[in-house]
């Protein structure tokens, strides 16, 4: 009988350790999922910001916009044909 009680106690302890291990792994899994979710939200925010910046860059670098700004703000204009000089080498 003492051997049977020892075996039962050993198996109970082993079962308890396995249960604690399962709980710990589940805890780590939930922490990892939370971190992944947080990272995914940050990625989504950065993607939206990147797209906004690309649209803004396209707007500011548009040739017609630059030409309009040069005409309106600086009073610049394209020279007339008689005001140009062709240099031939």
PDB file of N, CA and C in Angstrom:
ATOM      1  N   UNK A   1       0.784  -1.199   0.000  1.00  0.00           N
ATOM      2  CA  UNK A   1       0.000   0.000   0.000  1.00  0.00           C
ATOM      3  C   UNK A   1       0.833   1.275   0.000  1.00  0.00           C
ATOM      4  N   UNK A   2       1.946   1.311   0.692  1.00  0.00           N
ATOM      5  CA  UNK A   2       2.720   2.554   0.700  1.00  0.00           C
ATOM      6  C   UNK A   2       3.189   2.932  -0.708  1.00  0.00           C
ATOM      7  N   UNK A   3       3.509   1.925  -1.524  1.00  0.00           N
ATOM      8  CA  UNK A   3       3.936   2.239  -2.881  1.00  0.00           C
ATOM      9  C   UNK A   3       2.807   2.846  -3.702  1.00  0.00           C
ATOM     10  N   UNK A   4       1.589   2.366  -3.509  1.00  0.00           N
ATOM     11  CA  UNK A   4       0.441   2.893  -4.240  1.00  0.00           C
ATOM     12  C   UNK A   4       0.171   4.344  -3.822  1.00  0.00           C
ATOM     13  N   UNK A   5       0.308   4.643  -2.551  1.00  0.00           N
ATOM     14  CA  UNK A   5       0.078   6.009  -2.071  1.00  0.00           C
ATOM     15  C   UNK A   5       1.164   6.954  -2.590  1.00  0.00           C
ATOM     16  N   UNK A   6       2.374   6.460  -2.655  1.00  0.00           N
ATOM     17  CA  UNK A   6       3.483   7.263  -3.186  1.00  0.00           C
ATOM     18  C   UNK A   6       3.255   7.554  -4.663  1.00  0.00           C
ATOM     19  N   UNK A   7       2.808   6.525  -5.397  1.00  0.00           N
ATOM     20  CA  UNK A   7       2.528   6.692  -6.823  1.00  0.00           C
ATOM     21  C   UNK A   7       1.394   7.688  -7.037  1.00  0.00           C
ATOM     22  N   UNK A   8       0.344   7.602  -6.233  1.00  0.00           N
ATOM     23  CA  UNK A   8      -0.784   8.532  -6.346  1.00  0.00           C
ATOM     24  C   UNK A   8      -0.323   9.953  -6.034  1.00  0.00           C
ATOM     25  N   UNK A   9       0.480  10.118  -4.979  1.00  0.00           N
ATOM     26  CA  UNK A   9       0.986  11.441  -4.609  1.00  0.00           C
ATOM     27  C   UNK A   9       1.873  12.004  -5.717  1.00  0.00           C
ATOM     28  N   UNK A  10       2.725  11.145  -6.290  1.00  0.00           N
ATOM     29  CA  UNK A  10       3.606  11.572  -7.376  1.00  0.00           C
ATOM     30  C   UNK A  10       2.793  11.997  -8.597  1.00  0.00           C
ATOM     31  N   UNK A  11       1.784  11.205  -8.959  1.00  0.00           N
ATOM     32  CA  UNK A  11       0.951  11.534 -10.111  1.00  0.00           C
ATOM     33  C   UNK A  11       0.131  12.806  -9.862  1.00  0.00           C
ATOM     34  N   UNK A  12      -0.316  12.996  -8.644  1.00  0.00           N
ATOM     35  CA  UNK A  12      -1.057  14.217  -8.310  1.00  0.00           C
ATOM     36  C   UNK A  12      -0.150  15.440  -8.419  1.00  0.00           C
ATOM     37  N   UNK A  13       1.069  15.329  -7.928  1.00  0.00           N
ATOM     38  CA  UNK A  13       2.026  16.432  -8.020  1.00  0.00           C
ATOM     39  C   UNK A  13       2.361  16.722  -9.484  1.00  0.00           C
ATOM     40  N   UNK A  14       2.547  15.670 -10.268  1.00  0.00           N
ATOM     41  CA  UNK A  14       2.837  15.817 -11.698  1.00  0.00           C
ATOM     42  C   UNK A  14       1.664  16.490 -12.412  1.00  0.00           C
ATOM     43  N   UNK A  15       0.453  16.096 -12.064  1.00  0.00           N
ATOM     44  CA  UNK A  15      -0.751  16.687 -12.638  1.00  0.00           C
ATOM     45  C   UNK A  15      -0.847  18.169 -12.266  1.00  0.00           C
ATOM     46  N   UNK A  16      -0.531  18.496 -11.031  1.00  0.00           N
ATOM     47  CA  UNK A  16      -0.561  19.879 -10.578  1.00  0.00           C
ATOM     48  C   UNK A  16       0.468  20.721 -11.337  1.00  0.00           C
ATOM     49  N   UNK A  17       1.670  20.201 -11.508  1.00  0.00           N
ATOM     50  CA  UNK A  17       2.715  20.922 -12.253  1.00  0.00           C
ATOM     51  C   UNK A  17       2.303  21.149 -13.712  1.00  0.00           C
ATOM     52  N   UNK A  18       1.691  20.146 -14.309  1.00  0.00           N
ATOM     53  CA  UNK A  18       1.217  20.284 -15.685  1.00  0.00           C
ATOM     54  C   UNK A  18       0.136  21.363 -15.768  1.00  0.00           C
ATOM     55  N   UNK A  19      -0.761  21.410 -14.798  1.00  0.00           N
ATOM     56  CA  UNK A  19      -1.825  22.416 -14.791  1.00  0.00           C
ATOM     57  C   UNK A  19      -1.241  23.818 -14.634  1.00  0.00           C
ATOM     58  N   UNK A  20      -0.263  23.969 -13.752  1.00  0.00           N
ATOM     59  CA  UNK A  20       0.393  25.264 -13.575  1.00  0.00           C
ATOM     60  C   UNK A  20       1.107  25.664 -14.864  1.00  0.00           C
ATOM     61  N   UNK A  21       1.731  24.698 -15.534  1.00  0.00           N
ATOM     62  CA  UNK A  21       2.393  24.971 -16.806  1.00  0.00           C
ATOM     63  C   UNK A  21       1.419  25.436 -17.873  1.00  0.00           C
ATOM     64  N   UNK A  22       0.258  24.818 -17.938  1.00  0.00           N
ATOM     65  CA  UNK A  22      -0.767  25.208 -18.915  1.00  0.00           C
ATOM     66  C   UNK A  22      -1.236  26.641 -18.635  1.00  0.00           C
ATOM     67  N   UNK A  23      -1.457  26.946 -17.370  1.00  0.00           N
ATOM     68  CA  UNK A  23      -1.902  28.299 -17.004  1.00  0.00           C
ATOM     69  C   UNK A  23      -0.826  29.316 -17.365  1.00  0.00           C
ATOM     70  N   UNK A  24       0.429  29.016 -17.109  1.00  0.00           N
ATOM     71  CA  UNK A  24       1.521  29.934 -17.407  1.00  0.00           C
ATOM     72  C   UNK A  24       1.665  30.159 -18.916  1.00  0.00           C
ATOM     73  N   UNK A  25       1.567  29.094 -19.696  1.00  0.00           N
ATOM     74  CA  UNK A  25       1.659  29.226 -21.152  1.00  0.00           C
ATOM     75  C   UNK A  25       0.484  30.039 -21.692  1.00  0.00           C
ATOM     76  N   UNK A  26      -0.694  29.837 -21.144  1.00  0.00           N
ATOM     77  CA  UNK A  26      -1.871  30.612 -21.554  1.00  0.00           C
ATOM     78  C   UNK A  26      -1.663  32.091 -21.216  1.00  0.00           C
ATOM     79  N   UNK A  27      -1.089  32.375 -20.073  1.00  0.00           N
ATOM     80  CA  UNK A  27      -0.789  33.744 -19.675  1.00  0.00           C
ATOM     81  C   UNK A  27       0.189  34.388 -20.654  1.00  0.00           C
ATOM     82  N   UNK A  28       1.259  33.675 -20.997  1.00  0.00           N
ATOM     83  CA  UNK A  28       2.233  34.197 -21.958  1.00  0.00           C
ATOM     84  C   UNK A  28       1.594  34.412 -23.333  1.00  0.00           C
ATOM     85  N   UNK A  29       0.716  33.505 -23.707  1.00  0.00           N
ATOM     86  CA  UNK A  29       0.025  33.624 -24.985  1.00  0.00           C
ATOM     87  C   UNK A  29      -0.836  34.876 -25.022  1.00  0.00           C
ATOM     88  N   UNK A  30      -1.547  35.154 -23.965  1.00  0.00           N
ATOM     89  CA  UNK A  30      -2.394  36.348 -23.906  1.00  0.00           C
ATOM     90  C   UNK A  30      -1.562  37.624 -23.910  1.00  0.00           C
ATOM     91  N   UNK A  31      -0.424  37.604 -23.231  1.00  0.00           N
ATOM     92  CA  UNK A  31       0.467  38.763 -23.256  1.00  0.00           C
ATOM     93  C   UNK A  31       0.985  39.007 -24.667  1.00  0.00           C
ATOM     94  N   UNK A  32       1.381  37.945 -25.346  1.00  0.00           N
ATOM     95  CA  UNK A  32       1.877  38.078 -26.716  1.00  0.00           C
ATOM     96  C   UNK A  32       0.791  38.594 -27.643  1.00  0.00           C
ATOM     97  N   UNK A  33      -0.426  38.097 -27.486  1.00  0.00           N
ATOM     98  CA  UNK A  33      -1.535  38.555 -28.326  1.00  0.00           C
ATOM     99  C   UNK A  33      -1.816  40.041 -28.093  1.00  0.00           C
ATOM    100  N   UNK A  34      -1.754  40.477 -26.843  1.00  0.00           N
ATOM    101  CA  UNK A  34      -1.960  41.887 -26.523  1.00  0.00           C
ATOM    102  C   UNK A  34      -0.880  42.739 -27.177  1.00  0.00           C
ATOM    103  N   UNK A  35       0.356  42.297 -27.104  1.00  0.00           N
ATOM    104  CA  UNK A  35       1.465  43.034 -27.716  1.00  0.00           C
ATOM    105  C   UNK A  35       1.324  43.083 -29.234  1.00  0.00           C
ATOM    106  N   UNK A  36       0.913  41.980 -29.833  1.00  0.00           N
ATOM    107  CA  UNK A  36       0.703  41.944 -31.284  1.00  0.00           C
ATOM    108  C   UNK A  36      -0.419  42.893 -31.675  1.00  0.00           C
ATOM    109  N   UNK A  37      -1.496  42.906 -30.912  1.00  0.00           N
ATOM    110  CA  UNK A  37      -2.617  43.806 -31.203  1.00  0.00           C
ATOM    111  C   UNK A  37      -2.188  45.260 -31.105  1.00  0.00           C
ATOM    112  N   UNK A  38      -1.428  45.578 -30.087  1.00  0.00           N
ATOM    113  CA  UNK A  38      -0.927  46.941 -29.913  1.00  0.00           C
ATOM    114  C   UNK A  38      -0.019  47.330 -31.073  1.00  0.00           C
ATOM    115  N   UNK A  39       0.849  46.422 -31.466  1.00  0.00           N
ATOM    116  CA  UNK A  39       1.754  46.687 -32.590  1.00  0.00           C
ATOM    117  C   UNK A  39       0.975  46.854 -33.883  1.00  0.00           C
ATOM    118  N   UNK A  40      -0.050  46.058 -34.090  1.00  0.00           N
ATOM    119  CA  UNK A  40      -0.860  46.158 -35.303  1.00  0.00           C
ATOM    120  C   UNK A  40      -1.588  47.497 -35.358  1.00  0.00           C
ATOM    121  N   UNK A  41      -2.081  47.974 -34.224  1.00  0.00           N
ATOM    122  CA  UNK A  41      -2.730  49.278 -34.186  1.00  0.00           C
ATOM    123  C   UNK A  41      -1.737  50.385 -34.526  1.00  0.00           C
ATOM    124  N   UNK A  42      -0.521  50.268 -34.001  1.00  0.00           N
ATOM    125  CA  UNK A  42       0.511  51.258 -34.303  1.00  0.00           C
ATOM    126  C   UNK A  42       0.873  51.220 -35.785  1.00  0.00           C
ATOM    127  N   UNK A  43       0.964  50.028 -36.350  1.00  0.00           N
ATOM    128  CA  UNK A  43       1.252  49.890 -37.781  1.00  0.00           C
ATOM    129  C   UNK A  43       0.140  50.542 -38.601  1.00  0.00           C
ATOM    130  N   UNK A  44      -1.108  50.291 -38.234  1.00  0.00           N
ATOM    131  CA  UNK A  44      -2.238  50.888 -38.952  1.00  0.00           C
ATOM    132  C   UNK A  44      -2.188  52.411 -38.884  1.00  0.00           C
ATOM    133  N   UNK A  45      -1.875  52.947 -37.718  1.00  0.00           N
ATOM    134  CA  UNK A  45      -1.766  54.394 -37.560  1.00  0.00           C
ATOM    135  C   UNK A  45      -0.648  54.951 -38.427  1.00  0.00           C
ATOM    136  N   UNK A  46       0.492  54.263 -38.445  1.00  0.00           N
ATOM    137  CA  UNK A  46       1.621  54.725 -39.250  1.00  0.00           C
ATOM    138  C   UNK A  46       1.332  54.620 -40.743  1.00  0.00           C
ATOM    139  N   UNK A  47       0.600  53.595 -41.165  1.00  0.00           N
ATOM    140  CA  UNK A  47       0.241  53.454 -42.578  1.00  0.00           C
ATOM    141  C   UNK A  47      -0.670  54.602 -43.005  1.00  0.00           C
ATOM    142  N   UNK A  48      -1.629  54.949 -42.156  1.00  0.00           N
ATOM    143  CA  UNK A  48      -2.521  56.067 -42.471  1.00  0.00           C
ATOM    144  C   UNK A  48      -1.714  57.362 -42.575  1.00  0.00           C
ATOM    145  N   UNK A  49      -0.805  57.572 -41.644  1.00  0.00           N
ATOM    146  CA  UNK A  49       0.036  58.769 -41.661  1.00  0.00           C
ATOM    147  C   UNK A  49       0.920  58.791 -42.912  1.00  0.00           C
ATOM    148  N   UNK A  50       1.487  57.646 -43.271  1.00  0.00           N
ATOM    149  CA  UNK A  50       2.341  57.553 -44.459  1.00  0.00           C
ATOM    150  C   UNK A  50       1.543  57.880 -45.720  1.00  0.00           C
ATOM    151  N   UNK A  51       0.337  57.350 -45.835  1.00  0.00           N
ATOM    152  CA  UNK A  51      -0.499  57.642 -46.995  1.00  0.00           C
ATOM    153  C   UNK A  51      -0.849  59.123 -47.059  1.00  0.00           C
ATOM    154  N   UNK A  52      -1.144  59.718 -45.919  1.00  0.00           N
ATOM    155  CA  UNK A  52      -1.451  61.150 -45.877  1.00  0.00           C
ATOM    156  C   UNK A  52      -0.245  61.974 -46.324  1.00  0.00           C
ATOM    157  N   UNK A  53       0.936  61.581 -45.866  1.00  0.00           N
ATOM    158  CA  UNK A  53       2.149  62.302 -46.248  1.00  0.00           C
ATOM    159  C   UNK A  53       2.458  62.140 -47.736  1.00  0.00           C
ATOM    160  N   UNK A  54       2.194  60.961 -48.290  1.00  0.00           N
ATOM    161  CA  UNK A  54       2.415  60.770 -49.721  1.00  0.00           C
ATOM    162  C   UNK A  54       1.462  61.641 -50.543  1.00  0.00           C
ATOM    163  N   UNK A  55       0.209  61.731 -50.121  1.00  0.00           N
ATOM    164  CA  UNK A  55      -0.749  62.589 -50.822  1.00  0.00           C
ATOM    165  C   UNK A  55      -0.315  64.052 -50.709  1.00  0.00           C
ATOM    166  N   UNK A  56       0.114  64.436 -49.532  1.00  0.00           N
ATOM    167  CA  UNK A  56       0.574  65.809 -49.327  1.00  0.00           C
ATOM    168  C   UNK A  56       1.789  66.111 -50.192  1.00  0.00           C
ATOM    169  N   UNK A  57       2.720  65.165 -50.267  1.00  0.00           N
ATOM    170  CA  UNK A  57       3.912  65.362 -51.096  1.00  0.00           C
ATOM    171  C   UNK A  57       3.527  65.496 -52.566  1.00  0.00           C
ATOM    172  N   UNK A  58       2.606  64.656 -53.018  1.00  0.00           N
ATOM    173  CA  UNK A  58       2.156  64.737 -54.400  1.00  0.00           C
ATOM    174  C   UNK A  58       1.488  66.069 -54.697  1.00  0.00           C
ATOM    175  N   UNK A  59       0.751  66.594 -53.737  1.00  0.00           N
ATOM    176  CA  UNK A  59       0.077  67.878 -53.921  1.00  0.00           C
ATOM    177  C   UNK A  59       1.090  69.014 -54.005  1.00  0.00           C
ATOM    178  N   UNK A  60       2.077  68.992 -53.120  1.00  0.00           N
ATOM    179  CA  UNK A  60       3.043  70.084 -53.093  1.00  0.00           C
ATOM    180  C   UNK A  60       4.034  70.022 -54.241  1.00  0.00           C
ATOM    181  N   UNK A  61       4.292  68.841 -54.756  1.00  0.00           N
ATOM    182  CA  UNK A  61       5.281  68.736 -55.825  1.00  0.00           C
ATOM    183  C   UNK A  61       4.655  68.794 -57.211  1.00  0.00           C
ATOM    184  N   UNK A  62       3.366  68.977 -57.277  1.00  0.00           N
ATOM    185  CA  UNK A  62       2.681  69.059 -58.554  1.00  0.00           C
ATOM    186  C   UNK A  62       3.196  70.277 -59.330  1.00  0.00           C
ATOM    187  N   UNK A  63       3.565  70.052 -60.579  1.00  0.00           N
ATOM    188  CA  UNK A  63       4.197  71.092 -61.384  1.00  0.00           C
ATOM    189  C   UNK A  63       3.285  72.310 -61.546  1.00  0.00           C
ATOM    190  N   UNK A  64       2.033  72.085 -61.855  1.00  0.00           N
ATOM    191  CA  UNK A  64       1.115  73.205 -62.068  1.00  0.00           C
ATOM    192  C   UNK A  64       0.972  74.046 -60.809  1.00  0.00           C
ATOM    193  N   UNK A  65       0.977  73.400 -59.667  1.00  0.00           N
ATOM    194  CA  UNK A  65       0.858  74.135 -58.407  1.00  0.00           C
ATOM    195  C   UNK A  65       2.080  75.015 -58.193  1.00  0.00           C
ATOM    196  N   UNK A  66       3.248  74.490 -58.496  1.00  0.00           N
ATOM    197  CA  UNK A  66       4.473  75.275 -58.340  1.00  0.00           C
ATOM    198  C   UNK A  66       4.469  76.453 -59.305  1.00  0.00           C
ATOM    199  N   UNK A  67       4.049  76.209 -60.531  1.00  0.00           N
ATOM    200  CA  UNK A  67       4.009  77.286 -61.520  1.00  0.00           C
ATOM    201  C   UNK A  67       3.010  78.371 -61.098  1.00  0.00           C
ATOM    202  N   UNK A  68       1.855  77.962 -60.594  1.00  0.00           N
ATOM    203  CA  UNK A  68       0.857  78.924 -60.118  1.00  0.00           C
ATOM    204  C   UNK A  68       1.397  79.740 -58.948  1.00  0.00           C
ATOM    205  N   UNK A  69       2.082  79.060 -58.042  1.00  0.00           N
ATOM    206  CA  UNK A  69       2.648  79.768 -56.888  1.00  0.00           C
ATOM    207  C   UNK A  69       3.708  80.763 -57.342  1.00  0.00           C
ATOM    208  N   UNK A  70       4.517  80.388 -58.319  1.00  0.00           N
ATOM    209  CA  UNK A  70       5.536  81.306 -58.835  1.00  0.00           C
ATOM    210  C   UNK A  70       4.882  82.520 -59.486  1.00  0.00           C
ATOM    211  N   UNK A  71       3.802  82.319 -60.206  1.00  0.00           N
ATOM    212  CA  UNK A  71       3.115  83.439 -60.859  1.00  0.00           C
ATOM    213  C   UNK A  71       2.401  84.315 -59.836  1.00  0.00           C
ATOM    214  N   UNK A  72       1.702  83.703 -58.900  1.00  0.00           N
ATOM    215  CA  UNK A  72       0.893  84.473 -57.953  1.00  0.00           C
ATOM    216  C   UNK A  72       1.737  85.157 -56.884  1.00  0.00           C
ATOM    217  N   UNK A  73       2.610  84.435 -56.265  1.00  0.00           N
ATOM    218  CA  UNK A  73       3.356  84.982 -55.129  1.00  0.00           C
ATOM    219  C   UNK A  73       4.566  85.811 -55.551  1.00  0.00           C
ATOM    220  N   UNK A  74       5.256  85.366 -56.598  1.00  0.00           N
ATOM    221  CA  UNK A  74       6.511  86.021 -56.974  1.00  0.00           C
ATOM    222  C   UNK A  74       6.384  86.886 -58.220  1.00  0.00           C
ATOM    223  N   UNK A  75       5.235  86.834 -58.879  1.00  0.00           N
ATOM    224  CA  UNK A  75       5.043  87.629 -60.083  1.00  0.00           C
ATOM    225  C   UNK A  75       5.877  87.139 -61.253  1.00  0.00           C
ATOM    226  N   UNK A  76       6.257  85.881 -61.242  1.00  0.00           N
ATOM    227  CA  UNK A  76       7.082  85.324 -62.315  1.00  0.00           C
ATOM    228  C   UNK A  76       6.184  84.915 -63.476  1.00  0.00           C
ATOM    229  N   UNK A  77       6.773  84.925 -64.675  1.00  0.00           N
ATOM    230  CA  UNK A  77       6.056  84.460 -65.860  1.00  0.00           C
ATOM    231  C   UNK A  77       7.073  83.915 -66.854  1.00  0.00           C
ATOM    232  N   UNK A  78       6.591  83.147 -67.811  1.00  0.00           N
ATOM    233  CA  UNK A  78       7.473  82.628 -68.853  1.00  0.00           C
ATOM    234  C   UNK A  78       7.882  83.770 -69.784  1.00  0.00           C
ATOM    235  N   UNK A  79       9.132  83.808 -70.223  1.00  0.00           N
ATOM    236  CA  UNK A  79       9.547  84.897 -71.119  1.00  0.00           C
ATOM    237  C   UNK A  79       8.898  84.745 -72.501  1.00  0.00           C
ATOM    238  N   UNK A  80       8.664  85.854 -73.140  1.00  0.00           N
ATOM    239  CA  UNK A  80       8.128  85.858 -74.500  1.00  0.00           C
ATOM    240  C   UNK A  80       9.226  85.441 -75.459  1.00  0.00           C
ATOM    241  N   UNK A  81       8.844  85.076 -76.653  1.00  0.00           N
ATOM    242  CA  UNK A  81       9.800  84.607 -77.648  1.00  0.00           C
ATOM    243  C   UNK A  81      10.830  85.675 -77.979  1.00  0.00           C
ATOM    244  N   UNK A  82      10.403  86.948 -78.093  1.00  0.00           N
ATOM    245  CA  UNK A  82      11.359  88.005 -78.426  1.00  0.00           C
ATOM    246  C   UNK A  82      12.293  88.336 -77.279  1.00  0.00           C
ATOM    247  N   UNK A  83      11.966  87.875 -76.074  1.00  0.00           N
ATOM    248  CA  UNK A  83      12.833  88.128 -74.911  1.00  0.00           C
ATOM    249  C   UNK A  83      13.856  87.012 -74.694  1.00  0.00           C
ATOM    250  N   UNK A  84      13.824  85.969 -75.513  1.00  0.00           N
ATOM    251  CA  UNK A  84      14.776  84.867 -75.358  1.00  0.00           C
ATOM    252  C   UNK A  84      15.936  85.025 -76.332  1.00  0.00           C
ATOM    253  N   UNK A  85      17.070  84.489 -75.938  1.00  0.00           N
ATOM    254  CA  UNK A  85      18.288  84.528 -76.761  1.00  0.00           C
ATOM    255  C   UNK A  85      18.780  83.112 -76.909  1.00  0.00           C
ATOM    256  N   UNK A  86      19.048  82.685 -78.153  1.00  0.00           N
ATOM    257  CA  UNK A  86      19.568  81.354 -78.409  1.00  0.00           C
ATOM    258  C   UNK A  86      21.082  81.451 -78.573  1.00  0.00           C
ATOM    259  N   UNK A  87      21.796  80.696 -77.825  1.00  0.00           N
ATOM    260  CA  UNK A  87      23.266  80.704 -77.893  1.00  0.00           C
ATOM    261  C   UNK A  87      23.692  79.469 -78.679  1.00  0.00           C
ATOM    262  N   UNK A  88      24.444  79.696 -79.748  1.00  0.00           N
ATOM    263  CA  UNK A  88      24.927  78.610 -80.589  1.00  0.00           C
ATOM    264  C   UNK A  88      26.435  78.547 -80.441  1.00  0.00           C
ATOM    265  N   UNK A  89      26.977  77.396 -80.215  1.00  0.00           N
ATOM    266  CA  UNK A  89      28.423  77.221 -80.038  1.00  0.00           C
ATOM    267  C   UNK A  89      29.089  76.832 -81.295  1.00  0.00           C
TER     268      UNK A  89
END
